[in-house]
Amino acid sequence: MTTSDTWKKSSHSGGGDGNACVEVARRPARISVRDSKVPDRGVLTFPGPAFTAFVDALKKN
């Protein structure tokens, strides 16, 4: 699935070709996430506040 969203790669994409990561697209009411290696395979979409809480929890670990 390709969309007109602006996708940004994770800053932790690793070495080499830099495709071992996820990409995130921000919209007003949602955050979409996809695998950078297979971007047409599918997209997960979350409400903005839920995604923010998830990332904040990851940063604490």
PDB file of N, CA and C in Angstrom:
ATOM      1  N   MET A   1       0.845  -1.175   0.000  1.00  0.00           N
ATOM      2  CA  MET A   1       0.000   0.000   0.000  1.00  0.00           C
ATOM      3  C   MET A   1       0.890   1.238   0.000  1.00  0.00           C
ATOM      4  N   THR A   2       0.802   2.036  -1.005  1.00  0.00           N
ATOM      5  CA  THR A   2       1.536   3.291  -1.006  1.00  0.00           C
ATOM      6  C   THR A   2       0.551   4.416  -0.759  1.00  0.00           C
ATOM      7  N   THR A   3       0.998   5.381  -0.017  1.00  0.00           N
ATOM      8  CA  THR A   3       0.144   6.516   0.315  1.00  0.00           C
ATOM      9  C   THR A   3       0.889   7.793   0.011  1.00  0.00           C
ATOM     10  N   SER A   4       0.209   8.900   0.129  1.00  0.00           N
ATOM     11  CA  SER A   4       0.849  10.189  -0.092  1.00  0.00           C
ATOM     12  C   SER A   4       1.482  10.731   1.180  1.00  0.00           C
ATOM     13  N   ASP A   5       1.504   9.912   2.236  1.00  0.00           N
ATOM     14  CA  ASP A   5       2.118  10.335   3.490  1.00  0.00           C
ATOM     15  C   ASP A   5       3.605  10.582   3.302  1.00  0.00           C
ATOM     16  N   THR A   6       4.173  11.455   4.121  1.00  0.00           N
ATOM     17  CA  THR A   6       5.611  11.674   4.145  1.00  0.00           C
ATOM     18  C   THR A   6       6.195  10.732   5.174  1.00  0.00           C
ATOM     19  N   TRP A   7       6.973   9.774   4.713  1.00  0.00           N
ATOM     20  CA  TRP A   7       7.540   8.751   5.588  1.00  0.00           C
ATOM     21  C   TRP A   7       8.928   9.146   6.027  1.00  0.00           C
ATOM     22  N   LYS A   8       9.225   8.908   7.303  1.00  0.00           N
ATOM     23  CA  LYS A   8      10.555   9.186   7.864  1.00  0.00           C
ATOM     24  C   LYS A   8      11.086   7.910   8.483  1.00  0.00           C
ATOM     25  N   LYS A   9      12.352   7.610   8.205  1.00  0.00           N
ATOM     26  CA  LYS A   9      12.980   6.428   8.781  1.00  0.00           C
ATOM     27  C   LYS A   9      13.402   6.690  10.215  1.00  0.00           C
ATOM     28  N   SER A  10      13.445   5.628  10.967  1.00  0.00           N
ATOM     29  CA  SER A  10      13.915   5.685  12.343  1.00  0.00           C
ATOM     30  C   SER A  10      15.353   6.162  12.384  1.00  0.00           C
ATOM     31  N   SER A  11      15.699   6.903  13.412  1.00  0.00           N
ATOM     32  CA  SER A  11      17.081   7.339  13.589  1.00  0.00           C
ATOM     33  C   SER A  11      17.965   6.175  14.028  1.00  0.00           C
ATOM     34  N   HIS A  12      17.371   5.038  14.337  1.00  0.00           N
ATOM     35  CA  HIS A  12      18.096   3.834  14.749  1.00  0.00           C
ATOM     36  C   HIS A  12      18.031   2.789  13.640  1.00  0.00           C
ATOM     37  N   SER A  13      18.249   3.206  12.401  1.00  0.00           N
ATOM     38  CA  SER A  13      18.064   2.306  11.268  1.00  0.00           C
ATOM     39  C   SER A  13      19.228   1.354  11.050  1.00  0.00           C
ATOM     40  N   GLY A  14      20.295   1.500  11.786  1.00  0.00           N
ATOM     41  CA  GLY A  14      21.403   0.570  11.681  1.00  0.00           C
ATOM     42  C   GLY A  14      22.370   0.929  10.574  1.00  0.00           C
ATOM     43  N   GLY A  15      23.402   0.122  10.440  1.00  0.00           N
ATOM     44  CA  GLY A  15      24.427   0.363   9.439  1.00  0.00           C
ATOM     45  C   GLY A  15      24.050  -0.212   8.090  1.00  0.00           C
ATOM     46  N   GLY A  16      25.034  -0.289   7.225  1.00  0.00           N
ATOM     47  CA  GLY A  16      24.803  -0.846   5.896  1.00  0.00           C
ATOM     48  C   GLY A  16      23.912   0.032   5.058  1.00  0.00           C
ATOM     49  N   ASP A  17      22.915  -0.588   4.462  1.00  0.00           N
ATOM     50  CA  ASP A  17      22.033   0.178   3.584  1.00  0.00           C
ATOM     51  C   ASP A  17      20.955   0.940   4.339  1.00  0.00           C
ATOM     52  N   GLY A  18      20.889   0.790   5.654  1.00  0.00           N
ATOM     53  CA  GLY A  18      19.970   1.578   6.474  1.00  0.00           C
ATOM     54  C   GLY A  18      18.516   1.230   6.325  1.00  0.00           C
ATOM     55  N   ASN A  19      18.218   0.004   5.869  1.00  0.00           N
ATOM     56  CA  ASN A  19      16.806  -0.328   5.686  1.00  0.00           C
ATOM     57  C   ASN A  19      16.276  -1.306   6.730  1.00  0.00           C
ATOM     58  N   ALA A  20      17.031  -1.549   7.781  1.00  0.00           N
ATOM     59  CA  ALA A  20      16.594  -2.464   8.838  1.00  0.00           C
ATOM     60  C   ALA A  20      15.843  -1.679   9.909  1.00  0.00           C
ATOM     61  N   CYS A  21      14.758  -1.069   9.522  1.00  0.00           N
ATOM     62  CA  CYS A  21      14.057  -0.213  10.476  1.00  0.00           C
ATOM     63  C   CYS A  21      12.594  -0.068  10.099  1.00  0.00           C
ATOM     64  N   VAL A  22      11.928   0.766  10.838  1.00  0.00           N
ATOM     65  CA  VAL A  22      10.558   1.144  10.532  1.00  0.00           C
ATOM     66  C   VAL A  22      10.546   2.579  10.018  1.00  0.00           C
ATOM     67  N   GLU A  23       9.481   2.909   9.342  1.00  0.00           N
ATOM     68  CA  GLU A  23       9.242   4.276   8.903  1.00  0.00           C
ATOM     69  C   GLU A  23       7.944   4.742   9.538  1.00  0.00           C
ATOM     70  N   VAL A  24       7.866   6.019   9.820  1.00  0.00           N
ATOM     71  CA  VAL A  24       6.702   6.598  10.485  1.00  0.00           C
ATOM     72  C   VAL A  24       6.198   7.766   9.659  1.00  0.00           C
ATOM     73  N   ALA A  25       4.880   7.856   9.535  1.00  0.00           N
ATOM     74  CA  ALA A  25       4.244   8.995   8.876  1.00  0.00           C
ATOM     75  C   ALA A  25       3.282   9.626   9.874  1.00  0.00           C
ATOM     76  N   ARG A  26       3.387  10.923  10.017  1.00  0.00           N
ATOM     77  CA  ARG A  26       2.553  11.643  10.992  1.00  0.00           C
ATOM     78  C   ARG A  26       1.418  12.354  10.267  1.00  0.00           C
ATOM     79  N   ARG A  27       0.218  12.148  10.772  1.00  0.00           N
ATOM     80  CA  ARG A  27      -0.973  12.832  10.279  1.00  0.00           C
ATOM     81  C   ARG A  27      -1.601  13.541  11.470  1.00  0.00           C
ATOM     82  N   PRO A  28      -2.543  14.449  11.253  1.00  0.00           N
ATOM     83  CA  PRO A  28      -3.117  15.182  12.388  1.00  0.00           C
ATOM     84  C   PRO A  28      -3.704  14.301  13.495  1.00  0.00           C
ATOM     85  N   ALA A  29      -4.400  13.229  13.147  1.00  0.00           N
ATOM     86  CA  ALA A  29      -5.062  12.434  14.179  1.00  0.00           C
ATOM     87  C   ALA A  29      -4.495  11.028  14.326  1.00  0.00           C
ATOM     88  N   ARG A  30      -3.432  10.708  13.565  1.00  0.00           N
ATOM     89  CA  ARG A  30      -2.917   9.343  13.630  1.00  0.00           C
ATOM     90  C   ARG A  30      -1.434   9.298  13.294  1.00  0.00           C
ATOM     91  N   ILE A  31      -0.826   8.173  13.643  1.00  0.00           N
ATOM     92  CA  ILE A  31       0.553   7.878  13.287  1.00  0.00           C
ATOM     93  C   ILE A  31       0.528   6.544  12.548  1.00  0.00           C
ATOM     94  N   SER A  32       1.159   6.495  11.393  1.00  0.00           N
ATOM     95  CA  SER A  32       1.245   5.251  10.632  1.00  0.00           C
ATOM     96  C   SER A  32       2.676   4.734  10.691  1.00  0.00           C
ATOM     97  N   VAL A  33       2.801   3.409  10.760  1.00  0.00           N
ATOM     98  CA  VAL A  33       4.106   2.753  10.863  1.00  0.00           C
ATOM     99  C   VAL A  33       4.153   1.648   9.820  1.00  0.00           C
ATOM    100  N   ARG A  34       5.321   1.526   9.143  1.00  0.00           N
ATOM    101  CA  ARG A  34       5.500   0.442   8.177  1.00  0.00           C
ATOM    102  C   ARG A  34       6.944  -0.045   8.208  1.00  0.00           C
ATOM    103  N   ASP A  35       7.169  -1.229   7.685  1.00  0.00           N
ATOM    104  CA  ASP A  35       8.496  -1.818   7.583  1.00  0.00           C
ATOM    105  C   ASP A  35       9.183  -1.218   6.356  1.00  0.00           C
ATOM    106  N   SER A  36      10.359  -0.647   6.542  1.00  0.00           N
ATOM    107  CA  SER A  36      11.042   0.006   5.427  1.00  0.00           C
ATOM    108  C   SER A  36      11.500  -0.982   4.356  1.00  0.00           C
ATOM    109  N   LYS A  37      11.669  -2.257   4.723  1.00  0.00           N
ATOM    110  CA  LYS A  37      12.113  -3.252   3.751  1.00  0.00           C
ATOM    111  C   LYS A  37      10.996  -3.662   2.805  1.00  0.00           C
ATOM    112  N   VAL A  38       9.762  -3.614   3.261  1.00  0.00           N
ATOM    113  CA  VAL A  38       8.608  -4.000   2.444  1.00  0.00           C
ATOM    114  C   VAL A  38       7.479  -2.988   2.647  1.00  0.00           C
ATOM    115  N   PRO A  39       7.656  -1.753   2.194  1.00  0.00           N
ATOM    116  CA  PRO A  39       6.679  -0.699   2.473  1.00  0.00           C
ATOM    117  C   PRO A  39       5.293  -0.932   1.871  1.00  0.00           C
ATOM    118  N   ASP A  40       5.197  -1.745   0.830  1.00  0.00           N
ATOM    119  CA  ASP A  40       3.889  -1.996   0.216  1.00  0.00           C
ATOM    120  C   ASP A  40       3.125  -3.133   0.877  1.00  0.00           C
ATOM    121  N   ARG A  41       3.750  -3.787   1.848  1.00  0.00           N
ATOM    122  CA  ARG A  41       3.113  -4.939   2.479  1.00  0.00           C
ATOM    123  C   ARG A  41       1.962  -4.549   3.399  1.00  0.00           C
ATOM    124  N   GLY A  42       2.095  -3.453   4.114  1.00  0.00           N
ATOM    125  CA  GLY A  42       1.024  -3.054   5.012  1.00  0.00           C
ATOM    126  C   GLY A  42       1.462  -1.941   5.945  1.00  0.00           C
ATOM    127  N   VAL A  43       0.481  -1.303   6.549  1.00  0.00           N
ATOM    128  CA  VAL A  43       0.709  -0.169   7.433  1.00  0.00           C
ATOM    129  C   VAL A  43      -0.110  -0.373   8.698  1.00  0.00           C
ATOM    130  N   LEU A  44       0.506  -0.111   9.847  1.00  0.00           N
ATOM    131  CA  LEU A  44      -0.224  -0.081  11.112  1.00  0.00           C
ATOM    132  C   LEU A  44      -0.504   1.370  11.441  1.00  0.00           C
ATOM    133  N   THR A  45      -1.717   1.660  11.878  1.00  0.00           N
ATOM    134  CA  THR A  45      -2.097   3.031  12.188  1.00  0.00           C
ATOM    135  C   THR A  45      -2.602   3.107  13.629  1.00  0.00           C
ATOM    136  N   PHE A  46      -2.110   4.128  14.341  1.00  0.00           N
ATOM    137  CA  PHE A  46      -2.440   4.307  15.750  1.00  0.00           C
ATOM    138  C   PHE A  46      -2.925   5.722  15.994  1.00  0.00           C
ATOM    139  N   PRO A  47      -3.806   5.924  16.975  1.00  0.00           N
ATOM    140  CA  PRO A  47      -4.132   7.289  17.387  1.00  0.00           C
ATOM    141  C   PRO A  47      -2.858   7.956  17.911  1.00  0.00           C
ATOM    142  N   GLY A  48      -2.673   9.218  17.622  1.00  0.00           N
ATOM    143  CA  GLY A  48      -1.474   9.939  18.030  1.00  0.00           C
ATOM    144  C   GLY A  48      -1.110   9.790  19.497  1.00  0.00           C
ATOM    145  N   PRO A  49      -2.056  10.022  20.435  1.00  0.00           N
ATOM    146  CA  PRO A  49      -1.716   9.903  21.852  1.00  0.00           C
ATOM    147  C   PRO A  49      -1.275   8.491  22.253  1.00  0.00           C
ATOM    148  N   ALA A  50      -1.870   7.464  21.667  1.00  0.00           N
ATOM    149  CA  ALA A  50      -1.484   6.092  21.989  1.00  0.00           C
ATOM    150  C   ALA A  50      -0.063   5.801  21.509  1.00  0.00           C
ATOM    151  N   PHE A  51       0.281   6.277  20.330  1.00  0.00           N
ATOM    152  CA  PHE A  51       1.630   6.057  19.813  1.00  0.00           C
ATOM    153  C   PHE A  51       2.663   6.809  20.648  1.00  0.00           C
ATOM    154  N   THR A  52       2.335   8.024  21.038  1.00  0.00           N
ATOM    155  CA  THR A  52       3.238   8.809  21.884  1.00  0.00           C
ATOM    156  C   THR A  52       3.480   8.101  23.211  1.00  0.00           C
ATOM    157  N   ALA A  53       2.433   7.572  23.819  1.00  0.00           N
ATOM    158  CA  ALA A  53       2.583   6.846  25.082  1.00  0.00           C
ATOM    159  C   ALA A  53       3.453   5.601  24.883  1.00  0.00           C
ATOM    160  N   PHE A  54       3.282   4.915  23.778  1.00  0.00           N
ATOM    161  CA  PHE A  54       4.084   3.727  23.471  1.00  0.00           C
ATOM    162  C   PHE A  54       5.561   4.092  23.349  1.00  0.00           C
ATOM    163  N   VAL A  55       5.889   5.129  22.588  1.00  0.00           N
ATOM    164  CA  VAL A  55       7.276   5.545  22.417  1.00  0.00           C
ATOM    165  C   VAL A  55       7.875   6.015  23.743  1.00  0.00           C
ATOM    166  N   ASP A  56       7.102   6.763  24.524  1.00  0.00           N
ATOM    167  CA  ASP A  56       7.599   7.212  25.831  1.00  0.00           C
ATOM    168  C   ASP A  56       7.930   6.025  26.731  1.00  0.00           C
ATOM    169  N   ALA A  57       7.091   4.981  26.697  1.00  0.00           N
ATOM    170  CA  ALA A  57       7.347   3.787  27.506  1.00  0.00           C
ATOM    171  C   ALA A  57       8.623   3.084  27.037  1.00  0.00           C
ATOM    172  N   LEU A  58       8.848   3.043  25.721  1.00  0.00           N
ATOM    173  CA  LEU A  58      10.078   2.430  25.205  1.00  0.00           C
ATOM    174  C   LEU A  58      11.321   3.187  25.656  1.00  0.00           C
ATOM    175  N   LYS A  59      11.232   4.492  25.684  1.00  0.00           N
ATOM    176  CA  LYS A  59      12.382   5.312  26.084  1.00  0.00           C
ATOM    177  C   LYS A  59      12.771   5.083  27.536  1.00  0.00           C
ATOM    178  N   LYS A  60      11.821   4.677  28.371  1.00  0.00           N
ATOM    179  CA  LYS A  60      12.087   4.443  29.797  1.00  0.00           C
ATOM    180  C   LYS A  60      12.805   3.113  30.027  1.00  0.00           C
ATOM    181  N   ASN A  61      12.778   2.231  29.042  1.00  0.00           N
ATOM    182  CA  ASN A  61      13.407   0.907  29.196  1.00  0.00           C
ATOM    183  C   ASN A  61      14.766   0.865  28.595  1.00  0.00           C
TER     184      ASN A  61
END
